[in-house]
């Protein structure tokens, strides 16, 4: 599951390039040494990962309750189905919903804070810039949070989102250095990338919820129950022993 988060972040970073690329490309790295440029870009991306990990921790805590209640597979199935259906049959008024978020007081404050941090003169400012950037509404992050929810553990949820964030770093670190060359040449369109990623991840969640006894992808229901019992008891399942035939 953790490897999936890393790969998901890496592939989904194409969406990040289209959505957050403008912020990364105005990072004040001109007239700085190579070390200075790497420092600014690194702190910015570390800030994003910190935010994702904290949010993943919260969602993992909710997932822990779901896991202990024995609803893990059912929730996985429902969440996956909703993700797929949300792409195939869009909501009636998504534009209205997006507009209400964009015009909210919270978003106004967040945008103002990001603008002010872009002119930072110290390392802490660039770290905070990344932390604030991680709070921006993002469909890709929402999809990743569904995975954090289904980890069934606060710690695992934080690790899952941290790995997701790490997967996005190669693309997000390259953008300020190439000044949008990759974005303009590849003609990235976030609105086309996100639906594909959402359907793939949603299908994986559905597969996991069905319990088809496929290793790593869709564990059998008995295996899931055993993992749930071990989590509740804080014990590791004993390895099966073979009876000797004497």
Protein backbone atom coordinates (compact mmCIF):
# COMPACT_ATOMS: atom_id res chain seq x y z
CA UNK A 1 0.00 0.00 0.00
CA UNK A 2 2.82 2.41 0.83
CA UNK A 3 4.52 1.76 -2.50
CA UNK A 4 1.20 2.58 -4.17
CA UNK A 5 1.13 5.97 -2.43
CA UNK A 6 4.60 6.83 -3.73
CA UNK A 7 3.76 5.78 -7.29
CA UNK A 8 0.41 7.57 -7.09
CA UNK A 9 2.14 10.78 -6.06
CA UNK A 10 4.73 10.47 -8.83
CA UNK A 11 2.17 9.87 -11.58
CA UNK A 12 -0.28 12.39 -10.14
CA UNK A 13 2.41 15.08 -10.03
CA UNK A 14 1.46 15.92 -13.62
CA UNK A 15 -1.74 17.29 -12.09
CA UNK A 16 0.30 19.17 -9.48
CA UNK A 17 2.35 20.76 -12.25
CA UNK A 18 -0.76 22.19 -13.82
CA UNK A 19 -2.39 23.36 -10.58
CA UNK A 20 0.50 24.52 -8.39
CA UNK A 21 3.06 25.09 -11.12
CA UNK A 22 2.48 28.87 -11.17
CA UNK A 23 3.46 29.08 -7.48
CA UNK A 24 6.63 27.04 -7.86
CA UNK A 25 7.72 28.94 -10.94
CA UNK A 26 7.71 32.28 -9.10
CA UNK A 27 9.86 31.08 -6.22
CA UNK A 28 12.60 33.70 -5.79
CA UNK A 29 15.58 31.59 -6.85
CA UNK A 30 17.11 33.99 -9.40
CA UNK A 31 20.61 35.28 -8.69
CA UNK A 32 21.18 32.58 -6.10
CA UNK A 33 23.83 29.91 -5.93
CA UNK A 34 22.99 26.32 -6.81
CA UNK A 35 22.87 25.49 -3.09
CA UNK A 36 20.57 28.46 -2.46
CA UNK A 37 18.18 27.36 -5.18
CA UNK A 38 18.08 23.79 -3.90
CA UNK A 39 17.53 25.06 -0.36
CA UNK A 40 14.48 27.16 -1.31
CA UNK A 41 12.94 24.47 -3.50
CA UNK A 42 13.67 21.79 -0.90
CA UNK A 43 12.14 23.70 2.02
CA UNK A 44 9.04 24.52 -0.03
CA UNK A 45 8.48 20.86 -0.89
CA UNK A 46 9.24 19.66 2.65
CA UNK A 47 6.51 22.05 3.84
CA UNK A 48 3.99 20.45 1.47
CA UNK A 49 4.90 16.97 2.69
CA UNK A 50 4.49 18.06 6.33
CA UNK A 51 0.97 19.31 5.64
CA UNK A 52 0.01 16.14 3.78
CA UNK A 53 1.36 13.97 6.61
CA UNK A 54 -0.60 15.88 9.26
CA UNK A 55 -3.84 15.65 7.28
CA UNK A 56 -3.12 11.97 6.63
CA UNK A 57 -2.72 11.45 10.38
CA UNK A 58 -6.20 12.86 10.98
CA UNK A 59 -7.80 10.76 8.25
CA UNK A 60 -5.92 7.69 9.46
CA UNK A 61 -7.45 8.19 12.90
CA UNK A 62 -10.93 8.12 11.39
CA UNK A 63 -9.91 5.06 9.41
CA UNK A 64 -8.82 3.33 12.62
CA UNK A 65 -12.38 3.52 13.94
CA UNK A 66 -13.73 2.15 10.67
CA UNK A 67 -11.18 -0.68 10.75
CA UNK A 68 -11.95 -1.66 14.33
CA UNK A 69 -15.69 -1.61 13.60
CA UNK A 70 -15.17 -4.22 10.90
CA UNK A 71 -16.32 -1.89 8.12
CA UNK A 72 -12.99 -1.63 6.34
CA UNK A 73 -13.90 -3.60 3.22
CA UNK A 74 -17.37 -2.10 2.95
CA UNK A 75 -16.02 1.45 3.19
CA UNK A 76 -13.30 0.64 0.64
CA UNK A 77 -15.97 -0.62 -1.77
CA UNK A 78 -18.22 2.41 -1.26
CA UNK A 79 -15.41 4.98 -1.48
CA UNK A 80 -14.04 3.37 -4.63
CA UNK A 81 -17.46 3.27 -6.26
CA UNK A 82 -18.10 6.93 -5.41
CA UNK A 83 -14.75 7.92 -6.90
CA UNK A 84 -15.43 6.12 -10.17
CA UNK A 85 -19.03 7.36 -10.42
CA UNK A 86 -17.97 10.95 -9.64
CA UNK A 87 -15.94 10.89 -12.85
CA UNK A 88 -18.44 9.01 -15.03
CA UNK A 89 -21.44 10.98 -13.76
CA UNK A 90 -20.27 14.44 -12.60
CA UNK A 91 -22.29 16.35 -10.00
CA UNK A 92 -24.97 18.67 -11.30
CA UNK A 93 -23.40 21.89 -10.06
CA UNK A 94 -19.66 21.34 -9.57
CA UNK A 95 -18.88 24.86 -10.80
CA UNK A 96 -21.06 26.39 -8.10
CA UNK A 97 -19.30 24.31 -5.44
CA UNK A 98 -15.85 25.27 -6.71
CA UNK A 99 -16.86 28.92 -6.88
CA UNK A 100 -18.05 28.94 -3.25
CA UNK A 101 -14.69 27.53 -2.13
CA UNK A 102 -12.66 29.95 -4.25
CA UNK A 103 -14.56 32.95 -2.88
CA UNK A 104 -14.54 31.86 0.77
CA UNK A 105 -12.87 33.98 3.46
CA UNK A 106 -10.51 31.09 4.23
CA UNK A 107 -9.26 30.96 0.64
CA UNK A 108 -8.84 34.72 0.57
CA UNK A 109 -6.67 34.58 3.69
CA UNK A 110 -4.69 31.62 2.35
CA UNK A 111 -3.97 33.28 -1.00
CA UNK A 112 -2.85 36.49 0.74
CA UNK A 113 -0.56 34.50 3.05
CA UNK A 114 1.00 32.64 0.11
CA UNK A 115 1.62 35.90 -1.76
CA UNK A 116 3.37 37.41 1.25
CA UNK A 117 5.51 34.31 1.83
CA UNK A 118 6.71 34.35 -1.79
CA UNK A 119 8.81 37.38 -0.88
CA UNK A 120 10.38 35.69 2.15
CA UNK A 121 14.00 36.40 2.97
CA UNK A 122 14.57 33.48 5.34
CA UNK A 123 14.36 29.70 5.30
CA UNK A 124 11.36 29.52 7.65
CA UNK A 125 9.31 31.57 5.20
CA UNK A 126 9.81 29.07 2.37
CA UNK A 127 8.96 26.17 4.68
CA UNK A 128 5.74 27.95 5.70
CA UNK A 129 5.00 28.63 2.04
CA UNK A 130 5.03 24.91 1.35
CA UNK A 131 2.88 24.22 4.40
CA UNK A 132 0.31 26.77 3.21
CA UNK A 133 0.45 25.43 -0.33
CA UNK A 134 -0.44 22.00 1.01
CA UNK A 135 -3.72 23.43 2.34
CA UNK A 136 -4.93 24.58 -1.08
CA UNK A 137 -7.97 22.65 -2.40
CA UNK A 138 -6.75 19.84 -4.66
CA UNK A 139 -8.70 16.94 -6.13
CA UNK A 140 -5.58 14.79 -6.30
CA UNK A 141 -4.95 15.24 -2.57
CA UNK A 142 -8.56 14.32 -1.84
CA UNK A 143 -8.11 11.06 -3.74
CA UNK A 144 -4.90 10.35 -1.80
CA UNK A 145 -6.70 11.03 1.49
CA UNK A 146 -9.16 8.27 0.66
CA UNK A 147 -6.17 5.94 0.67
CA UNK A 148 -4.99 7.33 4.01
CA UNK A 149 -8.47 6.75 5.43
CA UNK A 150 -8.38 3.10 4.41
CA UNK A 151 -5.01 2.40 6.02
CA UNK A 152 -6.85 1.92 9.30
CA UNK A 153 -4.14 3.58 11.38
CA UNK A 154 -3.22 7.15 12.28
CA UNK A 155 0.49 6.47 11.81
CA UNK A 156 -0.05 4.60 8.55
CA UNK A 157 -2.29 7.41 7.31
CA UNK A 158 0.48 9.94 7.98
CA UNK A 159 3.08 7.72 6.29
CA UNK A 160 0.80 7.15 3.31
CA UNK A 161 0.31 10.88 2.71
CA UNK A 162 3.99 11.65 3.34
CA UNK A 163 4.96 9.12 0.67
CA UNK A 164 2.36 10.58 -1.65
CA UNK A 165 3.93 14.00 -1.14
CA UNK A 166 7.43 12.63 -1.70
CA UNK A 167 6.24 11.15 -4.99
CA UNK A 168 5.25 14.61 -6.24
CA UNK A 169 8.62 16.20 -5.39
CA UNK A 170 10.57 15.31 -8.58
CA UNK A 171 8.11 17.19 -10.77
CA UNK A 172 7.51 20.05 -8.32
CA UNK A 173 11.23 20.51 -7.70
CA UNK A 174 12.01 20.57 -11.43
CA UNK A 175 9.42 23.21 -12.33
CA UNK A 176 11.07 26.28 -10.74
CA UNK A 177 14.39 25.30 -12.29
CA UNK A 178 13.08 24.92 -15.84
CA UNK A 179 10.60 27.80 -15.52
CA UNK A 180 7.58 26.06 -16.96
CA UNK A 181 9.31 24.61 -20.02
CA UNK A 182 7.96 21.15 -19.26
CA UNK A 183 4.45 22.42 -18.60
CA UNK A 184 4.28 24.44 -21.81
CA UNK A 185 5.78 21.72 -24.00
CA UNK A 186 3.72 18.88 -22.60
CA UNK A 187 0.59 21.05 -22.54
CA UNK A 188 -0.54 19.62 -19.23
CA UNK A 189 -4.24 19.86 -18.49
CA UNK A 190 -5.12 19.05 -14.85
CA UNK A 191 -8.79 18.61 -15.73
CA UNK A 192 -7.86 15.68 -17.99
CA UNK A 193 -5.28 14.05 -15.73
CA UNK A 194 -7.27 13.92 -12.48
CA UNK A 195 -10.28 11.92 -13.80
CA UNK A 196 -7.98 9.17 -15.11
CA UNK A 197 -6.10 8.95 -11.81
CA UNK A 198 -9.38 8.99 -9.86
CA UNK A 199 -10.84 6.09 -11.83
CA UNK A 200 -7.67 3.99 -11.45
CA UNK A 201 -7.47 4.54 -7.68
CA UNK A 202 -11.23 4.09 -7.28
CA UNK A 203 -11.09 0.78 -9.15
CA UNK A 204 -8.28 -0.40 -6.84
CA UNK A 205 -10.40 0.46 -3.79
CA UNK A 206 -13.37 -1.44 -5.22
CA UNK A 207 -11.12 -4.42 -5.93
CA UNK A 208 -9.82 -4.32 -2.36
CA UNK A 209 -13.33 -4.12 -0.97
CA UNK A 210 -14.48 -7.18 -2.92
CA UNK A 211 -11.97 -9.41 -1.09
CA UNK A 212 -11.12 -11.56 -4.12
CA UNK A 213 -8.07 -13.15 -2.47
CA UNK A 214 -5.58 -11.38 -4.75
CA UNK A 215 -2.34 -10.81 -2.79
CA UNK A 216 -1.75 -7.13 -1.89
CA UNK A 217 -4.55 -5.88 -4.17
CA UNK A 218 -7.65 -7.64 -2.83
CA UNK A 219 -7.06 -9.65 0.38
CA UNK A 220 -9.65 -12.28 1.29
CA UNK A 221 -12.24 -11.26 3.87
CA UNK A 222 -10.89 -13.79 6.40
CA UNK A 223 -7.42 -12.25 6.06
CA UNK A 224 -8.85 -8.79 6.62
CA UNK A 225 -10.69 -9.98 9.75
CA UNK A 226 -7.51 -11.53 11.09
CA UNK A 227 -5.60 -8.30 10.53
CA UNK A 228 -8.42 -6.38 12.22
CA UNK A 229 -8.34 -8.70 15.26
CA UNK A 230 -4.56 -8.41 15.54
CA UNK A 231 -4.80 -4.63 15.36
CA UNK A 232 -7.39 -4.59 18.13
CA UNK A 233 -5.41 -7.00 20.33
CA UNK A 234 -2.05 -5.43 19.55
CA UNK A 235 -0.69 -8.86 18.72
CA UNK A 236 0.96 -10.47 15.73
CA UNK A 237 -0.79 -13.48 14.28
CA UNK A 238 1.11 -16.68 15.03
CA UNK A 239 2.55 -18.48 12.06
CA UNK A 240 0.70 -21.69 11.19
CA UNK A 241 2.46 -24.82 12.45
CA UNK A 242 2.68 -28.09 10.62
CA UNK A 243 1.69 -31.26 12.42
CA UNK A 244 4.28 -33.99 12.27
CA UNK A 245 3.20 -37.34 10.95
CA UNK A 246 4.93 -39.87 13.24
